[in-house]
Amino acid sequence: MGVKHYTEEFNVAAVKQVVERWHPAAEVTERLDVSMHSIYAWTKQYGVPEVERKAQDGQSDEMRRLKAELTRVTEGRDILKKAAVYFAKTPGLGTPSFRKYRTNFRYGACAR
């Protein structure tokens, strides 16, 4: 069996399936009847340039950091909402529970 030679267009199309369309490399190799080594070599040759990959990695790091910050801020907001609901339910001067025991308090003399 001899070595198969593929055109550059074929190689680029195979790489696009892996890089742009997110098809698994194993699936592409099976479908196109090429070796896994060829797909990885073509991806290295025709895929995303290293400069763009580093920029994408930096963006993904920033995205991870922002998601973590959003989670932290959202949890803080939820805690404050729960605290507001809790303190709104706490009995005060105008609630029925206070009226029941108000004979024990002499707040009328303080108001003068």
N, C-alpha and C. Protein backbone atom coordinates (compact mmCIF):
# COMPACT_ATOMS: atom_id res chain seq x y z
N MET A 1 0.86 -1.17 0.00
CA MET A 1 0.00 0.00 0.00
C MET A 1 0.90 1.23 0.00
N GLY A 2 0.63 2.16 -0.89
CA GLY A 2 1.45 3.36 -1.01
C GLY A 2 0.94 4.48 -0.14
N VAL A 3 1.69 5.56 -0.11
CA VAL A 3 1.33 6.74 0.67
C VAL A 3 0.31 7.54 -0.13
N LYS A 4 -0.77 7.92 0.53
CA LYS A 4 -1.81 8.71 -0.14
C LYS A 4 -1.44 10.18 -0.05
N HIS A 5 -1.63 10.89 -1.13
CA HIS A 5 -1.40 12.33 -1.15
C HIS A 5 -2.75 13.02 -1.36
N TYR A 6 -3.02 14.00 -0.54
CA TYR A 6 -4.28 14.72 -0.60
C TYR A 6 -4.01 16.15 -1.04
N THR A 7 -5.00 16.74 -1.67
CA THR A 7 -4.84 18.13 -2.11
C THR A 7 -4.92 19.06 -0.91
N GLU A 8 -4.42 20.26 -1.09
CA GLU A 8 -4.45 21.24 0.00
C GLU A 8 -5.89 21.60 0.36
N GLU A 9 -6.77 21.67 -0.65
CA GLU A 9 -8.17 21.99 -0.39
C GLU A 9 -8.81 20.91 0.49
N PHE A 10 -8.47 19.65 0.21
CA PHE A 10 -8.99 18.54 1.01
C PHE A 10 -8.51 18.67 2.46
N ASN A 11 -7.23 18.97 2.62
CA ASN A 11 -6.66 19.12 3.96
C ASN A 11 -7.33 20.25 4.72
N VAL A 12 -7.51 21.39 4.06
CA VAL A 12 -8.14 22.55 4.70
C VAL A 12 -9.58 22.24 5.08
N ALA A 13 -10.29 21.53 4.20
CA ALA A 13 -11.68 21.17 4.49
C ALA A 13 -11.75 20.24 5.71
N ALA A 14 -10.82 19.30 5.80
CA ALA A 14 -10.79 18.39 6.95
C ALA A 14 -10.51 19.16 8.23
N VAL A 15 -9.58 20.10 8.18
CA VAL A 15 -9.25 20.90 9.36
C VAL A 15 -10.43 21.76 9.78
N LYS A 16 -11.16 22.33 8.82
CA LYS A 16 -12.34 23.15 9.14
C LYS A 16 -13.39 22.34 9.88
N GLN A 17 -13.53 21.07 9.50
CA GLN A 17 -14.52 20.23 10.20
C GLN A 17 -14.15 20.07 11.67
N VAL A 18 -12.86 19.98 11.94
CA VAL A 18 -12.41 19.80 13.32
C VAL A 18 -12.41 21.12 14.08
N VAL A 19 -11.87 22.18 13.46
CA VAL A 19 -11.65 23.44 14.16
C VAL A 19 -12.91 24.30 14.21
N GLU A 20 -13.58 24.47 13.10
CA GLU A 20 -14.72 25.39 13.05
C GLU A 20 -16.05 24.73 13.40
N ARG A 21 -16.23 23.50 12.95
CA ARG A 21 -17.52 22.83 13.17
C ARG A 21 -17.51 21.93 14.40
N TRP A 22 -16.39 21.83 15.06
CA TRP A 22 -16.23 21.08 16.31
C TRP A 22 -16.57 19.59 16.18
N HIS A 23 -16.33 19.01 15.00
CA HIS A 23 -16.50 17.57 14.86
C HIS A 23 -15.31 16.89 15.53
N PRO A 24 -15.51 15.77 16.21
CA PRO A 24 -14.37 15.07 16.82
C PRO A 24 -13.40 14.59 15.74
N ALA A 25 -12.11 14.67 16.03
CA ALA A 25 -11.09 14.27 15.06
C ALA A 25 -11.25 12.81 14.67
N ALA A 26 -11.61 11.96 15.62
CA ALA A 26 -11.79 10.53 15.33
C ALA A 26 -12.91 10.32 14.31
N GLU A 27 -13.97 11.08 14.45
CA GLU A 27 -15.10 10.97 13.52
C GLU A 27 -14.69 11.43 12.12
N VAL A 28 -13.93 12.51 12.03
CA VAL A 28 -13.49 13.04 10.74
C VAL A 28 -12.54 12.05 10.07
N THR A 29 -11.62 11.47 10.84
CA THR A 29 -10.67 10.51 10.26
C THR A 29 -11.40 9.29 9.71
N GLU A 30 -12.41 8.85 10.42
CA GLU A 30 -13.18 7.69 9.97
C GLU A 30 -13.97 8.02 8.71
N ARG A 31 -14.60 9.18 8.70
CA ARG A 31 -15.42 9.58 7.57
C ARG A 31 -14.59 9.82 6.31
N LEU A 32 -13.42 10.44 6.46
CA LEU A 32 -12.60 10.79 5.31
C LEU A 32 -11.55 9.73 4.98
N ASP A 33 -11.47 8.70 5.80
CA ASP A 33 -10.51 7.61 5.61
C ASP A 33 -9.07 8.13 5.56
N VAL A 34 -8.72 8.90 6.57
CA VAL A 34 -7.35 9.39 6.73
C VAL A 34 -6.89 9.03 8.14
N SER A 35 -5.59 9.11 8.37
CA SER A 35 -5.08 8.74 9.69
C SER A 35 -5.27 9.90 10.67
N MET A 36 -5.31 9.55 11.94
CA MET A 36 -5.44 10.54 13.00
C MET A 36 -4.22 11.47 12.99
N HIS A 37 -3.05 10.89 12.72
CA HIS A 37 -1.82 11.69 12.66
C HIS A 37 -1.94 12.77 11.58
N SER A 38 -2.51 12.41 10.43
CA SER A 38 -2.66 13.39 9.34
C SER A 38 -3.56 14.54 9.76
N ILE A 39 -4.67 14.22 10.41
CA ILE A 39 -5.60 15.27 10.85
C ILE A 39 -4.90 16.22 11.81
N TYR A 40 -4.16 15.68 12.78
CA TYR A 40 -3.48 16.55 13.74
C TYR A 40 -2.37 17.36 13.08
N ALA A 41 -1.66 16.77 12.14
CA ALA A 41 -0.61 17.51 11.43
C ALA A 41 -1.23 18.63 10.59
N TRP A 42 -2.33 18.34 9.92
CA TRP A 42 -2.99 19.37 9.11
C TRP A 42 -3.56 20.46 9.99
N THR A 43 -4.10 20.07 11.15
CA THR A 43 -4.64 21.07 12.07
C THR A 43 -3.54 22.01 12.54
N LYS A 44 -2.38 21.45 12.80
CA LYS A 44 -1.25 22.28 13.22
C LYS A 44 -0.82 23.21 12.09
N GLN A 45 -0.86 22.70 10.85
CA GLN A 45 -0.41 23.47 9.70
C GLN A 45 -1.44 24.50 9.25
N TYR A 46 -2.71 24.10 9.16
CA TYR A 46 -3.74 24.97 8.58
C TYR A 46 -4.71 25.54 9.61
N GLY A 47 -4.61 25.12 10.85
CA GLY A 47 -5.57 25.54 11.87
C GLY A 47 -5.37 26.98 12.29
N VAL A 48 -5.88 27.29 13.45
CA VAL A 48 -5.82 28.65 13.99
C VAL A 48 -4.36 29.00 14.29
N PRO A 49 -3.87 30.14 13.81
CA PRO A 49 -2.49 30.54 14.11
C PRO A 49 -2.26 30.70 15.61
N GLU A 50 -1.02 30.52 16.03
CA GLU A 50 -0.67 30.54 17.45
C GLU A 50 -1.02 31.87 18.10
N VAL A 51 -0.84 32.97 17.36
CA VAL A 51 -1.15 34.29 17.91
C VAL A 51 -2.63 34.39 18.25
N GLU A 52 -3.48 33.90 17.35
CA GLU A 52 -4.93 33.93 17.60
C GLU A 52 -5.30 33.00 18.75
N ARG A 53 -4.64 31.82 18.82
CA ARG A 53 -4.91 30.89 19.91
C ARG A 53 -4.60 31.51 21.26
N LYS A 54 -3.47 32.22 21.34
CA LYS A 54 -3.11 32.87 22.60
C LYS A 54 -4.12 33.95 22.96
N ALA A 55 -4.59 34.70 21.95
CA ALA A 55 -5.60 35.73 22.20
C ALA A 55 -6.89 35.10 22.71
N GLN A 56 -7.27 33.96 22.10
CA GLN A 56 -8.48 33.27 22.54
C GLN A 56 -8.33 32.73 23.95
N ASP A 57 -7.13 32.23 24.28
CA ASP A 57 -6.88 31.74 25.63
C ASP A 57 -7.00 32.88 26.64
N GLY A 58 -6.47 34.06 26.28
CA GLY A 58 -6.58 35.23 27.16
C GLY A 58 -8.03 35.63 27.36
N GLN A 59 -8.81 35.56 26.28
CA GLN A 59 -10.22 35.90 26.38
C GLN A 59 -10.96 34.87 27.23
N SER A 60 -10.60 33.60 27.09
CA SER A 60 -11.29 32.59 27.89
C SER A 60 -10.92 32.73 29.37
N ASP A 61 -9.67 33.13 29.67
CA ASP A 61 -9.29 33.39 31.06
C ASP A 61 -10.11 34.55 31.62
N GLU A 62 -10.26 35.60 30.83
CA GLU A 62 -11.05 36.76 31.26
C GLU A 62 -12.51 36.35 31.46
N MET A 63 -13.02 35.51 30.55
CA MET A 63 -14.40 35.04 30.66
C MET A 63 -14.59 34.24 31.95
N ARG A 64 -13.64 33.35 32.27
CA ARG A 64 -13.72 32.57 33.50
C ARG A 64 -13.71 33.47 34.73
N ARG A 65 -12.83 34.49 34.71
CA ARG A 65 -12.73 35.41 35.83
C ARG A 65 -14.04 36.17 36.01
N LEU A 66 -14.62 36.64 34.89
CA LEU A 66 -15.87 37.40 34.96
C LEU A 66 -17.03 36.52 35.43
N LYS A 67 -17.06 35.27 35.00
CA LYS A 67 -18.12 34.36 35.45
C LYS A 67 -18.02 34.11 36.95
N ALA A 68 -16.80 33.96 37.45
CA ALA A 68 -16.61 33.75 38.89
C ALA A 68 -17.05 34.98 39.67
N GLU A 69 -16.72 36.17 39.15
CA GLU A 69 -17.13 37.40 39.82
C GLU A 69 -18.64 37.55 39.80
N LEU A 70 -19.26 37.20 38.66
CA LEU A 70 -20.72 37.27 38.55
C LEU A 70 -21.37 36.33 39.56
N THR A 71 -20.84 35.14 39.71
CA THR A 71 -21.38 34.19 40.68
C THR A 71 -21.29 34.75 42.10
N ARG A 72 -20.14 35.33 42.42
CA ARG A 72 -19.94 35.89 43.76
C ARG A 72 -20.92 37.04 44.02
N VAL A 73 -21.08 37.93 43.05
CA VAL A 73 -21.97 39.08 43.21
C VAL A 73 -23.43 38.62 43.28
N THR A 74 -23.79 37.63 42.48
CA THR A 74 -25.15 37.11 42.50
C THR A 74 -25.48 36.48 43.85
N GLU A 75 -24.53 35.73 44.41
CA GLU A 75 -24.76 35.14 45.73
C GLU A 75 -24.93 36.23 46.79
N GLY A 76 -24.12 37.28 46.71
CA GLY A 76 -24.25 38.39 47.66
C GLY A 76 -25.61 39.07 47.55
N ARG A 77 -26.06 39.26 46.31
CA ARG A 77 -27.37 39.87 46.09
C ARG A 77 -28.48 39.00 46.67
N ASP A 78 -28.38 37.69 46.44
CA ASP A 78 -29.40 36.78 46.96
C ASP A 78 -29.44 36.79 48.48
N ILE A 79 -28.27 36.87 49.11
CA ILE A 79 -28.22 36.95 50.58
C ILE A 79 -28.91 38.21 51.06
N LEU A 80 -28.65 39.33 50.39
CA LEU A 80 -29.29 40.59 50.79
C LEU A 80 -30.80 40.53 50.61
N LYS A 81 -31.26 39.89 49.53
CA LYS A 81 -32.71 39.75 49.32
C LYS A 81 -33.34 38.93 50.44
N LYS A 82 -32.68 37.83 50.80
CA LYS A 82 -33.22 36.99 51.87
C LYS A 82 -33.22 37.72 53.20
N ALA A 83 -32.19 38.52 53.44
CA ALA A 83 -32.13 39.29 54.69
C ALA A 83 -33.25 40.32 54.73
N ALA A 84 -33.52 40.97 53.59
CA ALA A 84 -34.60 41.96 53.55
C ALA A 84 -35.94 41.31 53.84
N VAL A 85 -36.17 40.13 53.29
CA VAL A 85 -37.42 39.41 53.55
C VAL A 85 -37.49 39.01 55.02
N TYR A 86 -36.39 38.54 55.58
CA TYR A 86 -36.37 38.13 56.98
C TYR A 86 -36.67 39.30 57.90
N PHE A 87 -36.01 40.44 57.68
CA PHE A 87 -36.22 41.58 58.56
C PHE A 87 -37.57 42.24 58.34
N ALA A 88 -38.16 42.08 57.18
CA ALA A 88 -39.51 42.60 56.94
C ALA A 88 -40.54 41.81 57.74
N LYS A 89 -40.24 40.56 58.03
CA LYS A 89 -41.17 39.72 58.79
C LYS A 89 -40.99 39.86 60.30
N THR A 90 -39.93 40.49 60.76
CA THR A 90 -39.67 40.64 62.19
C THR A 90 -40.74 41.54 62.80
N PRO A 91 -41.33 41.12 63.92
CA PRO A 91 -42.39 41.92 64.53
C PRO A 91 -41.88 43.29 64.97
N GLY A 92 -42.69 44.30 64.72
CA GLY A 92 -42.35 45.66 65.12
C GLY A 92 -43.49 46.26 65.92
N LEU A 93 -43.49 47.57 66.04
CA LEU A 93 -44.50 48.25 66.85
C LEU A 93 -45.91 48.13 66.28
N GLY A 94 -46.03 48.03 64.98
CA GLY A 94 -47.37 48.01 64.40
C GLY A 94 -47.92 46.62 64.16
N THR A 95 -47.25 45.60 64.60
CA THR A 95 -47.71 44.25 64.32
C THR A 95 -48.64 43.75 65.42
N PRO A 96 -49.48 42.78 65.10
CA PRO A 96 -50.42 42.26 66.10
C PRO A 96 -49.72 41.67 67.33
N SER A 97 -48.54 41.09 67.17
CA SER A 97 -47.87 40.50 68.33
C SER A 97 -47.47 41.59 69.32
N PHE A 98 -47.12 42.78 68.85
CA PHE A 98 -46.78 43.88 69.75
C PHE A 98 -48.02 44.38 70.48
N ARG A 99 -49.13 44.48 69.74
CA ARG A 99 -50.36 44.97 70.35
C ARG A 99 -50.81 44.04 71.48
N LYS A 100 -50.52 42.77 71.35
CA LYS A 100 -50.91 41.80 72.36
C LYS A 100 -50.18 42.05 73.68
N TYR A 101 -48.92 42.47 73.60
CA TYR A 101 -48.11 42.65 74.80
C TYR A 101 -47.82 44.12 75.11
N ARG A 102 -48.50 45.05 74.50
CA ARG A 102 -48.15 46.46 74.67
C ARG A 102 -48.46 47.00 76.07
N THR A 103 -49.25 46.29 76.83
CA THR A 103 -49.51 46.75 78.19
C THR A 103 -48.25 46.70 79.04
N ASN A 104 -47.30 45.89 78.65
CA ASN A 104 -46.03 45.80 79.38
C ASN A 104 -45.10 46.96 79.07
N PHE A 105 -45.39 47.70 77.98
CA PHE A 105 -44.51 48.79 77.57
C PHE A 105 -45.16 50.13 77.88
N ARG A 106 -44.40 51.08 78.35
CA ARG A 106 -44.93 52.40 78.66
C ARG A 106 -44.35 53.38 77.65
N TYR A 107 -44.74 53.23 76.39
CA TYR A 107 -44.21 54.11 75.36
C TYR A 107 -44.99 55.41 75.26
N GLY A 108 -46.15 55.50 75.87
CA GLY A 108 -46.94 56.72 75.81
C GLY A 108 -46.28 57.86 76.56
N ALA A 109 -45.64 57.58 77.67
CA ALA A 109 -44.97 58.61 78.46
C ALA A 109 -43.74 59.13 77.74
N CYS A 110 -43.12 58.32 76.94
CA CYS A 110 -41.91 58.74 76.22
C CYS A 110 -42.25 59.67 75.07
N ALA A 111 -43.46 59.57 74.55
CA ALA A 111 -43.83 60.35 73.37
C ALA A 111 -44.12 61.80 73.71
N ARG A 112 -44.29 62.15 74.97
CA ARG A 112 -44.65 63.51 75.34
C ARG A 112 -43.52 64.45 75.30
